[in-house]
Amino acid sequence: MVDRPLDEADLIDRTKRGDADAYETLVHTYQGLAFRTAYVISGSAADAEEAAQDAFVKAYRAIGRFRTGEPFRPWLLRIVANEARNRRRSAGRRAQLALRVAGEQGSGGAVPSPEGSAVAGEGRAELLAAVNALEDEHRLVIACRYFLDLSEQETAAALGVRRGTVKSRLSRALDRLRAELGGADA
């Protein structure tokens, strides 16, 4: 028998038959994304960790209800998002989201000048402040699409809305960000 990497459907099927090792592989595959998704919603690293862990436990218990052939990632992210929302609601607070913009994009791996680093840092700080100032529904859709790099479908599943709602919220959020950040340029 030749060793080959298992695809997601095989892992899910094995998990449904009680193979904990198969589920562990799924957890390892998605734990980073689950944490980031929970963090975007909860705004707290501690709450995000707990929400992700609880979501993996709930997903394991509900794996028998998972429809074969459906994509696993949006199903799991929906559970993660619900757990994170529940934690946020139960804490009764509106946490500010501290999103990290992807690392500096230098040209050809060249070390940026100190002036360039300062300007880029100011731009990131201004962007994060503008994103954090958005209403929750707009902040979350921006975070899912651009900071977590989820597809529209995955964003819709994670936030529990329709794909069209993701598109309209994204459009409004980007318009607000453009107005806030490009006020002088517009």
C-alpha atoms as a PDB file:
ATOM      1  CA  MET A   1       0.000   0.000   0.000  1.00  0.00           C
ATOM      2  CA  VAL A   2       1.348   3.429  -0.964  1.00  0.00           C
ATOM      3  CA  ASP A   3       1.132   6.285   1.522  1.00  0.00           C
ATOM      4  CA  ARG A   4      -0.794   9.185   0.059  1.00  0.00           C
ATOM      5  CA  PRO A   5      -2.140  12.327   1.622  1.00  0.00           C
ATOM      6  CA  LEU A   6      -5.756  11.935   2.620  1.00  0.00           C
ATOM      7  CA  ASP A   7      -8.227  14.341   1.196  1.00  0.00           C
ATOM      8  CA  GLU A   8     -10.769  16.123   3.325  1.00  0.00           C
ATOM      9  CA  ALA A   9     -13.650  13.843   2.334  1.00  0.00           C
ATOM     10  CA  ASP A  10     -11.680  10.769   3.456  1.00  0.00           C
ATOM     11  CA  LEU A  11     -10.834  12.422   6.762  1.00  0.00           C
ATOM     12  CA  ILE A  12     -14.464  13.353   7.368  1.00  0.00           C
ATOM     13  CA  ASP A  13     -15.644   9.866   6.480  1.00  0.00           C
ATOM     14  CA  ARG A  14     -13.097   8.313   8.848  1.00  0.00           C
ATOM     15  CA  THR A  15     -14.099  10.778  11.582  1.00  0.00           C
ATOM     16  CA  LYS A  16     -17.746   9.813  11.153  1.00  0.00           C
ATOM     17  CA  ARG A  17     -16.669   6.195  11.735  1.00  0.00           C
ATOM     18  CA  GLY A  18     -14.987   7.206  15.005  1.00  0.00           C
ATOM     19  CA  ASP A  19     -11.378   7.722  13.903  1.00  0.00           C
ATOM     20  CA  ALA A  20     -10.081  10.403  16.286  1.00  0.00           C
ATOM     21  CA  ASP A  21      -6.755  10.616  14.430  1.00  0.00           C
ATOM     22  CA  ALA A  22      -8.575  11.676  11.266  1.00  0.00           C
ATOM     23  CA  TYR A  23     -10.360  14.431  13.169  1.00  0.00           C
ATOM     24  CA  GLU A  24      -7.077  15.506  14.717  1.00  0.00           C
ATOM     25  CA  THR A  25      -5.728  16.005  11.188  1.00  0.00           C
ATOM     26  CA  LEU A  26      -8.735  18.190  10.356  1.00  0.00           C
ATOM     27  CA  VAL A  27      -8.191  20.197  13.552  1.00  0.00           C
ATOM     28  CA  HIS A  28      -4.527  20.763  12.707  1.00  0.00           C
ATOM     29  CA  THR A  29      -5.506  21.834   9.205  1.00  0.00           C
ATOM     30  CA  TYR A  30      -8.034  24.439  10.356  1.00  0.00           C
ATOM     31  CA  GLN A  31      -6.931  25.512  13.839  1.00  0.00           C
ATOM     32  CA  GLY A  32      -5.145  28.670  12.665  1.00  0.00           C
ATOM     33  CA  LEU A  33      -8.059  29.816  10.532  1.00  0.00           C
ATOM     34  CA  ALA A  34     -10.533  28.945  13.293  1.00  0.00           C
ATOM     35  CA  PHE A  35      -8.586  31.025  15.807  1.00  0.00           C
ATOM     36  CA  ARG A  36      -8.280  34.004  13.437  1.00  0.00           C
ATOM     37  CA  THR A  37     -11.988  33.851  12.620  1.00  0.00           C
ATOM     38  CA  ALA A  38     -12.918  33.722  16.309  1.00  0.00           C
ATOM     39  CA  TYR A  39     -10.514  36.586  17.045  1.00  0.00           C
ATOM     40  CA  VAL A  40     -12.039  38.778  14.349  1.00  0.00           C
ATOM     41  CA  ILE A  41     -15.447  38.304  15.945  1.00  0.00           C
ATOM     42  CA  SER A  42     -14.566  38.282  19.645  1.00  0.00           C
ATOM     43  CA  GLY A  43     -11.715  40.785  19.629  1.00  0.00           C
ATOM     44  CA  SER A  44      -9.945  38.877  22.379  1.00  0.00           C
ATOM     45  CA  ALA A  45      -7.198  36.293  22.009  1.00  0.00           C
ATOM     46  CA  ALA A  46      -8.326  34.405  25.119  1.00  0.00           C
ATOM     47  CA  ASP A  47     -11.962  34.334  23.991  1.00  0.00           C
ATOM     48  CA  ALA A  48     -10.901  33.340  20.475  1.00  0.00           C
ATOM     49  CA  GLU A  49      -8.864  30.403  21.781  1.00  0.00           C
ATOM     50  CA  GLU A  50     -11.750  29.152  23.888  1.00  0.00           C
ATOM     51  CA  ALA A  51     -14.284  29.707  21.112  1.00  0.00           C
ATOM     52  CA  ALA A  52     -12.142  27.796  18.611  1.00  0.00           C
ATOM     53  CA  GLN A  53     -11.630  24.904  21.042  1.00  0.00           C
ATOM     54  CA  ASP A  54     -15.327  24.744  21.878  1.00  0.00           C
ATOM     55  CA  ALA A  55     -16.187  24.908  18.180  1.00  0.00           C
ATOM     56  CA  PHE A  56     -13.928  21.951  17.389  1.00  0.00           C
ATOM     57  CA  VAL A  57     -15.565  19.938  20.174  1.00  0.00           C
ATOM     58  CA  LYS A  58     -19.049  20.852  18.920  1.00  0.00           C
ATOM     59  CA  ALA A  59     -18.078  20.079  15.329  1.00  0.00           C
ATOM     60  CA  TYR A  60     -16.781  16.667  16.392  1.00  0.00           C
ATOM     61  CA  ARG A  61     -20.035  15.921  18.193  1.00  0.00           C
ATOM     62  CA  ALA A  62     -22.055  17.106  15.182  1.00  0.00           C
ATOM     63  CA  ILE A  63     -19.934  15.470  12.467  1.00  0.00           C
ATOM     64  CA  GLY A  64     -22.611  12.832  11.957  1.00  0.00           C
ATOM     65  CA  ARG A  65     -24.968  15.584  10.765  1.00  0.00           C
ATOM     66  CA  PHE A  66     -22.399  16.981   8.326  1.00  0.00           C
ATOM     67  CA  ARG A  67     -23.643  16.446   4.770  1.00  0.00           C
ATOM     68  CA  THR A  68     -21.223  14.396   2.709  1.00  0.00           C
ATOM     69  CA  GLY A  69     -20.063  16.281  -0.348  1.00  0.00           C
ATOM     70  CA  GLU A  70     -20.528  19.728   1.194  1.00  0.00           C
ATOM     71  CA  PRO A  71     -17.454  21.876   1.856  1.00  0.00           C
ATOM     72  CA  PHE A  72     -16.178  21.362   5.407  1.00  0.00           C
ATOM     73  CA  ARG A  73     -14.447  24.713   5.900  1.00  0.00           C
ATOM     74  CA  PRO A  74     -17.574  26.954   5.754  1.00  0.00           C
ATOM     75  CA  TRP A  75     -19.474  24.488   7.972  1.00  0.00           C
ATOM     76  CA  LEU A  76     -16.719  24.581  10.580  1.00  0.00           C
ATOM     77  CA  LEU A  77     -16.307  28.359  10.366  1.00  0.00           C
ATOM     78  CA  ARG A  78     -20.028  28.809  10.971  1.00  0.00           C
ATOM     79  CA  ILE A  79     -19.677  26.871  14.233  1.00  0.00           C
ATOM     80  CA  VAL A  80     -16.571  28.879  15.158  1.00  0.00           C
ATOM     81  CA  ALA A  81     -18.326  32.168  14.396  1.00  0.00           C
ATOM     82  CA  ASN A  82     -21.354  31.197  16.498  1.00  0.00           C
ATOM     83  CA  GLU A  83     -19.123  30.280  19.432  1.00  0.00           C
ATOM     84  CA  ALA A  84     -17.206  33.536  19.146  1.00  0.00           C
ATOM     85  CA  ARG A  85     -20.435  35.567  18.935  1.00  0.00           C
ATOM     86  CA  ASN A  86     -21.801  33.786  21.982  1.00  0.00           C
ATOM     87  CA  ARG A  87     -18.636  34.583  23.937  1.00  0.00           C
ATOM     88  CA  ARG A  88     -18.750  38.200  22.861  1.00  0.00           C
ATOM     89  CA  ARG A  89     -22.418  38.543  23.799  1.00  0.00           C
ATOM     90  CA  SER A  90     -21.967  36.848  27.152  1.00  0.00           C
ATOM     91  CA  ALA A  91     -19.058  39.137  27.970  1.00  0.00           C
ATOM     92  CA  GLY A  92     -21.371  42.080  27.250  1.00  0.00           C
ATOM     93  CA  ARG A  93     -18.697  44.202  25.693  1.00  0.00           C
ATOM     94  CA  ARG A  94     -17.819  45.679  22.389  1.00  0.00           C
ATOM     95  CA  ALA A  95     -14.143  44.926  21.952  1.00  0.00           C
ATOM     96  CA  GLN A  96     -12.104  46.868  19.481  1.00  0.00           C
ATOM     97  CA  LEU A  97     -10.511  44.680  16.889  1.00  0.00           C
ATOM     98  CA  ALA A  98      -6.773  44.914  16.533  1.00  0.00           C
ATOM     99  CA  LEU A  99      -6.252  43.562  13.038  1.00  0.00           C
ATOM    100  CA  ARG A 100      -2.808  43.171  11.636  1.00  0.00           C
ATOM    101  CA  VAL A 101      -2.290  44.205   8.079  1.00  0.00           C
ATOM    102  CA  ALA A 102      -0.136  41.815   6.119  1.00  0.00           C
ATOM    103  CA  GLY A 103       3.571  42.479   6.426  1.00  0.00           C
ATOM    104  CA  GLU A 104       5.181  45.297   4.546  1.00  0.00           C
ATOM    105  CA  GLN A 105       5.409  44.735   0.841  1.00  0.00           C
ATOM    106  CA  GLY A 106       8.920  45.651  -0.118  1.00  0.00           C
ATOM    107  CA  SER A 107      10.142  45.518  -3.672  1.00  0.00           C
ATOM    108  CA  GLY A 108      12.404  42.579  -4.386  1.00  0.00           C
ATOM    109  CA  GLY A 109      13.008  41.858  -0.722  1.00  0.00           C
ATOM    110  CA  ALA A 110      14.909  45.128  -0.294  1.00  0.00           C
ATOM    111  CA  VAL A 111      15.032  46.540   3.206  1.00  0.00           C
ATOM    112  CA  PRO A 112      12.777  49.610   3.305  1.00  0.00           C
ATOM    113  CA  SER A 113      14.223  52.930   4.321  1.00  0.00           C
ATOM    114  CA  PRO A 114      13.422  54.201   7.822  1.00  0.00           C
ATOM    115  CA  GLU A 115      11.263  56.896   6.237  1.00  0.00           C
ATOM    116  CA  GLY A 116       9.412  54.304   4.162  1.00  0.00           C
ATOM    117  CA  SER A 117       8.862  52.132   7.231  1.00  0.00           C
ATOM    118  CA  ALA A 118       7.492  55.074   9.187  1.00  0.00           C
ATOM    119  CA  VAL A 119       5.096  56.054   6.404  1.00  0.00           C
ATOM    120  CA  ALA A 120       3.955  52.450   5.953  1.00  0.00           C
ATOM    121  CA  GLY A 121       3.446  52.098   9.715  1.00  0.00           C
ATOM    122  CA  GLU A 122       1.367  55.275   9.824  1.00  0.00           C
ATOM    123  CA  GLY A 123      -0.704  54.022   6.893  1.00  0.00           C
ATOM    124  CA  ARG A 124      -1.365  50.693   8.618  1.00  0.00           C
ATOM    125  CA  ALA A 125      -2.294  52.415  11.858  1.00  0.00           C
ATOM    126  CA  GLU A 126      -4.656  54.754   9.999  1.00  0.00           C
ATOM    127  CA  LEU A 127      -6.239  51.797   8.150  1.00  0.00           C
ATOM    128  CA  LEU A 128      -6.689  49.783  11.356  1.00  0.00           C
ATOM    129  CA  ALA A 129      -8.243  52.768  13.129  1.00  0.00           C
ATOM    130  CA  ALA A 130     -10.656  53.273  10.221  1.00  0.00           C
ATOM    131  CA  VAL A 131     -11.590  49.569  10.139  1.00  0.00           C
ATOM    132  CA  ASN A 132     -12.085  49.515  13.918  1.00  0.00           C
ATOM    133  CA  ALA A 133     -14.376  52.556  13.664  1.00  0.00           C
ATOM    134  CA  LEU A 134     -16.758  50.719  11.309  1.00  0.00           C
ATOM    135  CA  GLU A 135     -19.996  49.193  12.563  1.00  0.00           C
ATOM    136  CA  ASP A 136     -19.651  45.530  13.537  1.00  0.00           C
ATOM    137  CA  GLU A 137     -21.327  44.156  10.408  1.00  0.00           C
ATOM    138  CA  HIS A 138     -18.990  46.132   8.151  1.00  0.00           C
ATOM    139  CA  ARG A 139     -15.872  45.538  10.234  1.00  0.00           C
ATOM    140  CA  LEU A 140     -16.470  41.796  10.281  1.00  0.00           C
ATOM    141  CA  VAL A 141     -17.056  41.489   6.550  1.00  0.00           C
ATOM    142  CA  ILE A 142     -13.855  43.482   5.816  1.00  0.00           C
ATOM    143  CA  ALA A 143     -11.910  41.333   8.282  1.00  0.00           C
ATOM    144  CA  CYS A 144     -13.174  38.044   6.855  1.00  0.00           C
ATOM    145  CA  ARG A 145     -12.626  38.957   3.214  1.00  0.00           C
ATOM    146  CA  TYR A 146      -9.339  40.829   3.422  1.00  0.00           C
ATOM    147  CA  PHE A 147      -7.617  39.949   6.670  1.00  0.00           C
ATOM    148  CA  LEU A 148      -8.619  36.276   6.805  1.00  0.00           C
ATOM    149  CA  ASP A 149      -8.750  35.949   3.008  1.00  0.00           C
ATOM    150  CA  LEU A 150     -12.052  34.043   3.041  1.00  0.00           C
ATOM    151  CA  SER A 151     -14.108  33.734  -0.121  1.00  0.00           C
ATOM    152  CA  GLU A 152     -17.511  35.429  -0.323  1.00  0.00           C
ATOM    153  CA  GLN A 153     -19.176  32.068   0.266  1.00  0.00           C
ATOM    154  CA  GLU A 154     -16.992  31.300   3.294  1.00  0.00           C
ATOM    155  CA  THR A 155     -17.548  34.805   4.672  1.00  0.00           C
ATOM    156  CA  ALA A 156     -21.294  34.331   4.282  1.00  0.00           C
ATOM    157  CA  ALA A 157     -21.137  30.990   6.095  1.00  0.00           C
ATOM    158  CA  ALA A 158     -18.947  32.345   8.899  1.00  0.00           C
ATOM    159  CA  LEU A 159     -21.167  35.378   9.469  1.00  0.00           C
ATOM    160  CA  GLY A 160     -24.462  33.558   8.964  1.00  0.00           C
ATOM    161  CA  VAL A 161     -25.667  35.762   6.118  1.00  0.00           C
ATOM    162  CA  ARG A 162     -26.345  35.335   2.417  1.00  0.00           C
ATOM    163  CA  ARG A 163     -23.653  35.843  -0.196  1.00  0.00           C
ATOM    164  CA  GLY A 164     -25.501  38.896  -1.550  1.00  0.00           C
ATOM    165  CA  THR A 165     -25.467  40.406   1.928  1.00  0.00           C
ATOM    166  CA  VAL A 166     -21.694  39.925   2.052  1.00  0.00           C
ATOM    167  CA  LYS A 167     -21.372  41.753  -1.273  1.00  0.00           C
ATOM    168  CA  SER A 168     -23.556  44.683  -0.227  1.00  0.00           C
ATOM    169  CA  ARG A 169     -21.946  45.037   3.215  1.00  0.00           C
ATOM    170  CA  LEU A 170     -18.508  44.833   1.654  1.00  0.00           C
ATOM    171  CA  SER A 171     -19.395  47.523  -0.862  1.00  0.00           C
ATOM    172  CA  ARG A 172     -20.744  49.859   1.844  1.00  0.00           C
ATOM    173  CA  ALA A 173     -17.777  49.172   4.120  1.00  0.00           C
ATOM    174  CA  LEU A 174     -15.269  49.900   1.360  1.00  0.00           C
ATOM    175  CA  ASP A 175     -17.131  53.101   0.478  1.00  0.00           C
ATOM    176  CA  ARG A 176     -16.913  54.201   4.120  1.00  0.00           C
ATOM    177  CA  LEU A 177     -13.227  53.341   4.299  1.00  0.00           C
ATOM    178  CA  ARG A 178     -12.526  55.238   1.077  1.00  0.00           C
ATOM    179  CA  ALA A 179     -14.369  58.261   2.413  1.00  0.00           C
ATOM    180  CA  GLU A 180     -12.508  58.085   5.711  1.00  0.00           C
ATOM    181  CA  LEU A 181      -9.048  57.402   4.323  1.00  0.00           C
ATOM    182  CA  GLY A 182      -9.210  59.217   1.021  1.00  0.00           C
ATOM    183  CA  GLY A 183     -11.247  62.226   2.066  1.00  0.00           C
ATOM    184  CA  ALA A 184      -8.710  64.628   0.567  1.00  0.00           C
ATOM    185  CA  ASP A 185      -8.286  62.550  -2.589  1.00  0.00           C
ATOM    186  CA  ALA A 186     -11.979  62.015  -3.338  1.00  0.00           C
END
